PDB file of N, CA and C in Angstrom:
ATOM      1  N   MET A   1     110.899  84.790 122.055  1.00  0.00           N
ATOM      2  CA  MET A   1     111.258  83.604 121.320  1.00  0.00           C
ATOM      3  C   MET A   1     110.090  82.620 121.247  1.00  0.00           C
ATOM      4  N   TRP A   2     109.273  82.603 122.305  1.00  0.00           N
ATOM      5  CA  TRP A   2     108.142  81.679 122.304  1.00  0.00           C
ATOM      6  C   TRP A   2     107.137  82.053 121.211  1.00  0.00           C
ATOM      7  N   PHE A   3     106.899  83.333 121.047  1.00  0.00           N
ATOM      8  CA  PHE A   3     105.960  83.771 120.011  1.00  0.00           C
ATOM      9  C   PHE A   3     106.502  83.462 118.616  1.00  0.00           C
ATOM     10  N   ARG A   4     107.805  83.550 118.443  1.00  0.00           N
ATOM     11  CA  ARG A   4     108.414  83.182 117.155  1.00  0.00           C
ATOM     12  C   ARG A   4     108.156  81.706 116.861  1.00  0.00           C
ATOM     13  N   ALA A   5     108.333  80.851 117.870  1.00  0.00           N
ATOM     14  CA  ALA A   5     108.076  79.423 117.685  1.00  0.00           C
ATOM     15  C   ALA A   5     106.598  79.178 117.391  1.00  0.00           C
ATOM     16  N   LEU A   6     105.722  79.894 118.063  1.00  0.00           N
ATOM     17  CA  LEU A   6     104.283  79.757 117.817  1.00  0.00           C
ATOM     18  C   LEU A   6     103.950  80.082 116.371  1.00  0.00           C
ATOM     19  N   VAL A   7     104.493  81.168 115.865  1.00  0.00           N
ATOM     20  CA  VAL A   7     104.214  81.568 114.485  1.00  0.00           C
ATOM     21  C   VAL A   7     104.776  80.548 113.501  1.00  0.00           C
ATOM     22  N   ARG A   8     106.030  80.156 113.697  1.00  0.00           N
ATOM     23  CA  ARG A   8     106.678  79.242 112.755  1.00  0.00           C
ATOM     24  C   ARG A   8     106.068  77.841 112.765  1.00  0.00           C
ATOM     25  N   ARG A   9     105.737  77.336 113.934  1.00  0.00           N
ATOM     26  CA  ARG A   9     105.293  75.945 114.039  1.00  0.00           C
ATOM     27  C   ARG A   9     103.794  75.759 113.908  1.00  0.00           C
ATOM     28  N   LEU A  10     103.010  76.784 114.193  1.00  0.00           N
ATOM     29  CA  LEU A  10     101.556  76.607 114.188  1.00  0.00           C
ATOM     30  C   LEU A  10     100.849  77.572 113.242  1.00  0.00           C
ATOM     31  N   LEU A  11     101.086  78.840 113.396  1.00  0.00           N
ATOM     32  CA  LEU A  11     100.262  79.823 112.706  1.00  0.00           C
ATOM     33  C   LEU A  11     100.590  80.013 111.233  1.00  0.00           C
ATOM     34  N   ARG A  12     101.859  79.964 110.872  1.00  0.00           N
ATOM     35  CA  ARG A  12     102.264  80.284 109.507  1.00  0.00           C
ATOM     36  C   ARG A  12     101.621  79.361 108.475  1.00  0.00           C
ATOM     37  N   HIS A  13     101.615  78.086 108.725  1.00  0.00           N
ATOM     38  CA  HIS A  13     101.082  77.131 107.754  1.00  0.00           C
ATOM     39  C   HIS A  13      99.842  76.412 108.279  1.00  0.00           C
ATOM     40  N   GLY A  14      99.245  76.961 109.330  1.00  0.00           N
ATOM     41  CA  GLY A  14      98.072  76.334 109.927  1.00  0.00           C
ATOM     42  C   GLY A  14      96.849  76.446 109.043  1.00  0.00           C
ATOM     43  N   ASP A  15      96.018  75.444 109.138  1.00  0.00           N
ATOM     44  CA  ASP A  15      94.752  75.428 108.414  1.00  0.00           C
ATOM     45  C   ASP A  15      93.664  75.240 109.460  1.00  0.00           C
ATOM     46  N   PHE A  16      92.915  76.280 109.731  1.00  0.00           N
ATOM     47  CA  PHE A  16      91.939  76.267 110.811  1.00  0.00           C
ATOM     48  C   PHE A  16      90.531  76.376 110.232  1.00  0.00           C
ATOM     49  N   ALA A  17      89.700  75.400 110.549  1.00  0.00           N
ATOM     50  CA  ALA A  17      88.340  75.363 110.027  1.00  0.00           C
ATOM     51  C   ALA A  17      87.440  76.393 110.706  1.00  0.00           C
ATOM     52  N   SER A  18      87.781  76.743 111.940  1.00  0.00           N
ATOM     53  CA  SER A  18      86.955  77.697 112.685  1.00  0.00           C
ATOM     54  C   SER A  18      87.787  78.296 113.810  1.00  0.00           C
ATOM     55  N   ALA A  19      87.216  79.255 114.496  1.00  0.00           N
ATOM     56  CA  ALA A  19      87.889  79.846 115.647  1.00  0.00           C
ATOM     57  C   ALA A  19      88.074  78.806 116.748  1.00  0.00           C
ATOM     58  N   ALA A  20      87.113  77.922 116.884  1.00  0.00           N
ATOM     59  CA  ALA A  20      87.224  76.863 117.894  1.00  0.00           C
ATOM     60  C   ALA A  20      88.369  75.904 117.553  1.00  0.00           C
ATOM     61  N   ASP A  21      88.558  75.630 116.264  1.00  0.00           N
ATOM     62  CA  ASP A  21      89.664  74.774 115.830  1.00  0.00           C
ATOM     63  C   ASP A  21      91.005  75.445 116.126  1.00  0.00           C
ATOM     64  N   LEU A  22      91.117  76.723 115.843  1.00  0.00           N
ATOM     65  CA  LEU A  22      92.330  77.476 116.163  1.00  0.00           C
ATOM     66  C   LEU A  22      92.597  77.420 117.665  1.00  0.00           C
ATOM     67  N   GLU A  23      91.569  77.634 118.444  1.00  0.00           N
ATOM     68  CA  GLU A  23      91.720  77.607 119.901  1.00  0.00           C
ATOM     69  C   GLU A  23      92.186  76.236 120.383  1.00  0.00           C
ATOM     70  N   ALA A  24      91.634  75.171 119.825  1.00  0.00           N
ATOM     71  CA  ALA A  24      92.024  73.820 120.224  1.00  0.00           C
ATOM     72  C   ALA A  24      93.476  73.531 119.847  1.00  0.00           C
ATOM     73  N   GLN A  25      93.876  73.931 118.644  1.00  0.00           N
ATOM     74  CA  GLN A  25      95.252  73.697 118.218  1.00  0.00           C
ATOM     75  C   GLN A  25      96.238  74.545 119.015  1.00  0.00           C
ATOM     76  N   LEU A  26      95.837  75.752 119.364  1.00  0.00           N
ATOM     77  CA  LEU A  26      96.680  76.608 120.190  1.00  0.00           C
ATOM     78  C   LEU A  26      96.852  76.009 121.587  1.00  0.00           C
ATOM     79  N   ALA A  27      95.774  75.513 122.165  1.00  0.00           N
ATOM     80  CA  ALA A  27      95.851  74.873 123.488  1.00  0.00           C
ATOM     81  C   ALA A  27      96.748  73.637 123.440  1.00  0.00           C
ATOM     82  N   ALA A  28      96.655  72.852 122.374  1.00  0.00           N
ATOM     83  CA  ALA A  28      97.503  71.679 122.228  1.00  0.00           C
ATOM     84  C   ALA A  28      98.967  72.086 122.074  1.00  0.00           C
ATOM     85  N   PHE A  29      99.236  73.142 121.312  1.00  0.00           N
ATOM     86  CA  PHE A  29     100.601  73.637 121.131  1.00  0.00           C
ATOM     87  C   PHE A  29     101.184  74.077 122.466  1.00  0.00           C
ATOM     88  N   ILE A  30     100.415  74.811 123.243  1.00  0.00           N
ATOM     89  CA  ILE A  30     100.880  75.291 124.549  1.00  0.00           C
ATOM     90  C   ILE A  30     101.147  74.119 125.481  1.00  0.00           C
ATOM     91  N   ALA A  31     100.262  73.140 125.504  1.00  0.00           N
ATOM     92  CA  ALA A  31     100.451  71.972 126.364  1.00  0.00           C
ATOM     93  C   ALA A  31     101.718  71.211 125.981  1.00  0.00           C
ATOM     94  N   THR A  32     101.945  71.058 124.680  1.00  0.00           N
ATOM     95  CA  THR A  32     103.143  70.358 124.216  1.00  0.00           C
ATOM     96  C   THR A  32     104.401  71.130 124.594  1.00  0.00           C
ATOM     97  N   CYS A  33     104.391  72.430 124.388  1.00  0.00           N
ATOM     98  CA  CYS A  33     105.549  73.256 124.756  1.00  0.00           C
ATOM     99  C   CYS A  33     105.826  73.175 126.250  1.00  0.00           C
ATOM    100  N   ASN A  34     104.794  73.255 127.046  1.00  0.00           N
ATOM    101  CA  ASN A  34     104.965  73.186 128.495  1.00  0.00           C
ATOM    102  C   ASN A  34     105.505  71.825 128.926  1.00  0.00           C
ATOM    103  N   ARG A  35     105.042  70.770 128.284  1.00  0.00           N
ATOM    104  CA  ARG A  35     105.454  69.417 128.669  1.00  0.00           C
ATOM    105  C   ARG A  35     106.873  69.098 128.210  1.00  0.00           C
ATOM    106  N   LEU A  36     107.239  69.525 126.999  1.00  0.00           N
ATOM    107  CA  LEU A  36     108.505  69.095 126.418  1.00  0.00           C
ATOM    108  C   LEU A  36     109.626  70.127 126.464  1.00  0.00           C
ATOM    109  N   HIS A  37     109.286  71.411 126.405  1.00  0.00           N
ATOM    110  CA  HIS A  37     110.318  72.417 126.201  1.00  0.00           C
ATOM    111  C   HIS A  37     110.438  73.452 127.313  1.00  0.00           C
ATOM    112  N   ALA A  38     109.554  73.472 128.261  1.00  0.00           N
ATOM    113  CA  ALA A  38     109.593  74.510 129.294  1.00  0.00           C
ATOM    114  C   ALA A  38     110.702  74.215 130.309  1.00  0.00           C
ATOM    115  N   HIS A  39     111.494  75.230 130.580  1.00  0.00           N
ATOM    116  CA  HIS A  39     112.540  75.116 131.590  1.00  0.00           C
ATOM    117  C   HIS A  39     112.884  76.524 132.075  1.00  0.00           C
ATOM    118  N   PRO A  40     113.408  76.616 133.286  1.00  0.00           N
ATOM    119  CA  PRO A  40     113.791  77.935 133.783  1.00  0.00           C
ATOM    120  C   PRO A  40     114.916  78.521 132.934  1.00  0.00           C
ATOM    121  N   TYR A  41     114.889  79.815 132.774  1.00  0.00           N
ATOM    122  CA  TYR A  41     115.921  80.511 132.008  1.00  0.00           C
ATOM    123  C   TYR A  41     117.099  80.795 132.914  1.00  0.00           C
ATOM    124  N   ARG A  42     118.294  80.465 132.478  1.00  0.00           N
ATOM    125  CA  ARG A  42     119.504  80.732 133.253  1.00  0.00           C
ATOM    126  C   ARG A  42     120.119  82.039 132.766  1.00  0.00           C
ATOM    127  N   TRP A  43     120.068  83.049 133.633  1.00  0.00           N
ATOM    128  CA  TRP A  43     120.645  84.343 133.288  1.00  0.00           C
ATOM    129  C   TRP A  43     122.152  84.251 133.381  1.00  0.00           C
ATOM    130  N   THR A  44     122.854  84.786 132.406  1.00  0.00           N
ATOM    131  CA  THR A  44     124.304  84.774 132.415  1.00  0.00           C
ATOM    132  C   THR A  44     124.896  86.178 132.574  1.00  0.00           C
ATOM    133  N   TYR A  45     124.085  87.198 132.413  1.00  0.00           N
ATOM    134  CA  TYR A  45     124.558  88.564 132.547  1.00  0.00           C
ATOM    135  C   TYR A  45     124.778  88.883 134.019  1.00  0.00           C
ATOM    136  N   THR A  46     125.948  89.379 134.355  1.00  0.00           N
ATOM    137  CA  THR A  46     126.294  89.646 135.770  1.00  0.00           C
ATOM    138  C   THR A  46     125.938  91.044 136.216  1.00  0.00           C
ATOM    139  N   GLY A  47     125.596  91.916 135.301  1.00  0.00           N
ATOM    140  CA  GLY A  47     125.285  93.291 135.651  1.00  0.00           C
ATOM    141  C   GLY A  47     126.460  94.218 135.440  1.00  0.00           C
ATOM    142  N   ASP A  48     127.622  93.663 135.115  1.00  0.00           N
ATOM    143  CA  ASP A  48     128.788  94.492 134.844  1.00  0.00           C
ATOM    144  C   ASP A  48     128.590  95.225 133.518  1.00  0.00           C
ATOM    145  N   PRO A  49     129.115  96.440 133.412  1.00  0.00           N
ATOM    146  CA  PRO A  49     128.998  97.172 132.145  1.00  0.00           C
ATOM    147  C   PRO A  49     129.664  96.392 131.007  1.00  0.00           C
ATOM    148  N   LEU A  50     129.059  96.447 129.847  1.00  0.00           N
ATOM    149  CA  LEU A  50     129.624  95.787 128.681  1.00  0.00           C
ATOM    150  C   LEU A  50     130.744  96.641 128.115  1.00  0.00           C
ATOM    151  N   ALA A  51     131.789  96.006 127.618  1.00  0.00           N
ATOM    152  CA  ALA A  51     132.909  96.727 127.023  1.00  0.00           C
ATOM    153  C   ALA A  51     132.470  97.298 125.685  1.00  0.00           C
ATOM    154  N   ALA A  52     132.829  98.533 125.436  1.00  0.00           N
ATOM    155  CA  ALA A  52     132.420  99.177 124.187  1.00  0.00           C
ATOM    156  C   ALA A  52     133.475  99.079 123.121  1.00  0.00           C
TER     157      ALA A  52
END
């Protein structure tokens, strides 16, 4: 899911002047995601077989 967000929010419509610009924008995207959206994942699957 994180890679989907990366593509949709940064890469799809990004305009990068150079590889260094891409790297800087990618680092900023990662920092923002870590600061605002990072949280532990809560597993809900108990391991019981799923009903077919």
